[in-house]
C-alpha atoms as a PDB file:
ATOM      1  CA  UNK A   1      -9.956 -17.733  -1.383  1.00  0.00           C
ATOM      2  CA  UNK A   2      -8.304 -15.886  -4.398  1.00  0.00           C
ATOM      3  CA  UNK A   3     -10.187 -12.695  -3.545  1.00  0.00           C
ATOM      4  CA  UNK A   4      -9.161 -12.490  -0.251  1.00  0.00           C
ATOM      5  CA  UNK A   5      -5.494 -13.067  -1.105  1.00  0.00           C
ATOM      6  CA  UNK A   6      -5.561 -10.220  -3.912  1.00  0.00           C
ATOM      7  CA  UNK A   7      -7.017  -8.045  -1.201  1.00  0.00           C
ATOM      8  CA  UNK A   8      -4.448  -8.656   1.577  1.00  0.00           C
ATOM      9  CA  UNK A   9      -1.876  -8.294  -0.910  1.00  0.00           C
ATOM     10  CA  UNK A  10      -2.911  -4.658  -2.086  1.00  0.00           C
ATOM     11  CA  UNK A  11      -3.199  -3.638   1.516  1.00  0.00           C
ATOM     12  CA  UNK A  12       0.030  -5.264   2.521  1.00  0.00           C
ATOM     13  CA  UNK A  13       1.818  -3.341  -0.427  1.00  0.00           C
ATOM     14  CA  UNK A  14       0.258   0.241   0.577  1.00  0.00           C
ATOM     15  CA  UNK A  15       1.230  -0.399   4.133  1.00  0.00           C
ATOM     16  CA  UNK A  16       4.714  -1.245   2.698  1.00  0.00           C
ATOM     17  CA  UNK A  17       5.027   1.919   0.701  1.00  0.00           C
ATOM     18  CA  UNK A  18       3.490   4.156   3.914  1.00  0.00           C
ATOM     19  CA  UNK A  19       6.135   2.359   6.033  1.00  0.00           C
ATOM     20  CA  UNK A  20       8.945   3.071   3.669  1.00  0.00           C
ATOM     21  CA  UNK A  21       7.873   6.835   3.349  1.00  0.00           C
ATOM     22  CA  UNK A  22       8.281   7.042   7.270  1.00  0.00           C
ATOM     23  CA  UNK A  23      11.585   6.021   7.338  1.00  0.00           C
ATOM     24  CA  UNK A  24      13.834   7.906   5.174  1.00  0.00           C
ATOM     25  CA  UNK A  25      17.118   7.039   4.286  1.00  0.00           C
ATOM     26  CA  UNK A  26      19.612   8.362   7.402  1.00  0.00           C
ATOM     27  CA  UNK A  27      22.958   7.400   5.259  1.00  0.00           C
ATOM     28  CA  UNK A  28      24.925   9.930   3.747  1.00  0.00           C
ATOM     29  CA  UNK A  29      25.127  10.604  -0.216  1.00  0.00           C
ATOM     30  CA  UNK A  30      27.792   8.003  -1.386  1.00  0.00           C
ATOM     31  CA  UNK A  31      31.134  10.287  -2.967  1.00  0.00           C
ATOM     32  CA  UNK A  32      33.160   8.309  -5.347  1.00  0.00           C
ATOM     33  CA  UNK A  33      36.832   7.759  -4.866  1.00  0.00           C
ATOM     34  CA  UNK A  34      37.726  10.179  -7.594  1.00  0.00           C
ATOM     35  CA  UNK A  35      35.592  13.223  -6.130  1.00  0.00           C
ATOM     36  CA  UNK A  36      36.831  12.588  -2.559  1.00  0.00           C
ATOM     37  CA  UNK A  37      40.432  12.883  -4.164  1.00  0.00           C
ATOM     38  CA  UNK A  38      39.198  16.038  -6.198  1.00  0.00           C
ATOM     39  CA  UNK A  39      38.100  17.552  -2.576  1.00  0.00           C
ATOM     40  CA  UNK A  40      41.391  16.502  -0.831  1.00  0.00           C
ATOM     41  CA  UNK A  41      43.194  18.255  -3.529  1.00  0.00           C
ATOM     42  CA  UNK A  42      41.240  21.343  -3.268  1.00  0.00           C
ATOM     43  CA  UNK A  43      41.813  21.358   0.491  1.00  0.00           C
ATOM     44  CA  UNK A  44      45.447  20.932   0.131  1.00  0.00           C
ATOM     45  CA  UNK A  45      45.632  24.070  -2.382  1.00  0.00           C
ATOM     46  CA  UNK A  46      43.833  26.124  -0.133  1.00  0.00           C
ATOM     47  CA  UNK A  47      45.967  25.118   2.638  1.00  0.00           C
ATOM     48  CA  UNK A  48      49.225  25.886   0.595  1.00  0.00           C
ATOM     49  CA  UNK A  49      47.566  29.244  -0.105  1.00  0.00           C
ATOM     50  CA  UNK A  50      47.012  30.204   3.300  1.00  0.00           C
ATOM     51  CA  UNK A  51      50.698  29.544   4.552  1.00  0.00           C
ATOM     52  CA  UNK A  52      51.937  31.334   1.182  1.00  0.00           C
ATOM     53  CA  UNK A  53      50.313  34.555   2.500  1.00  0.00           C
ATOM     54  CA  UNK A  54      51.076  34.361   5.739  1.00  0.00           C
ATOM     55  CA  UNK A  55      54.771  33.611   4.751  1.00  0.00           C
ATOM     56  CA  UNK A  56      54.661  36.820   2.377  1.00  0.00           C
ATOM     57  CA  UNK A  57      53.458  38.921   5.441  1.00  0.00           C
END
């Protein structure tokens, strides 16, 4: 009984790892709140620079 159980556990573990490899994450990488704020500030700055250059022309 113990030997069968041990063999089944190892086979199930291998199958679980193989299955996990096939199904990679489809979720996008997490971006922190501070990082999102920094990106938004950079975008706003770029838009401001574009509008300033258009006014100068």
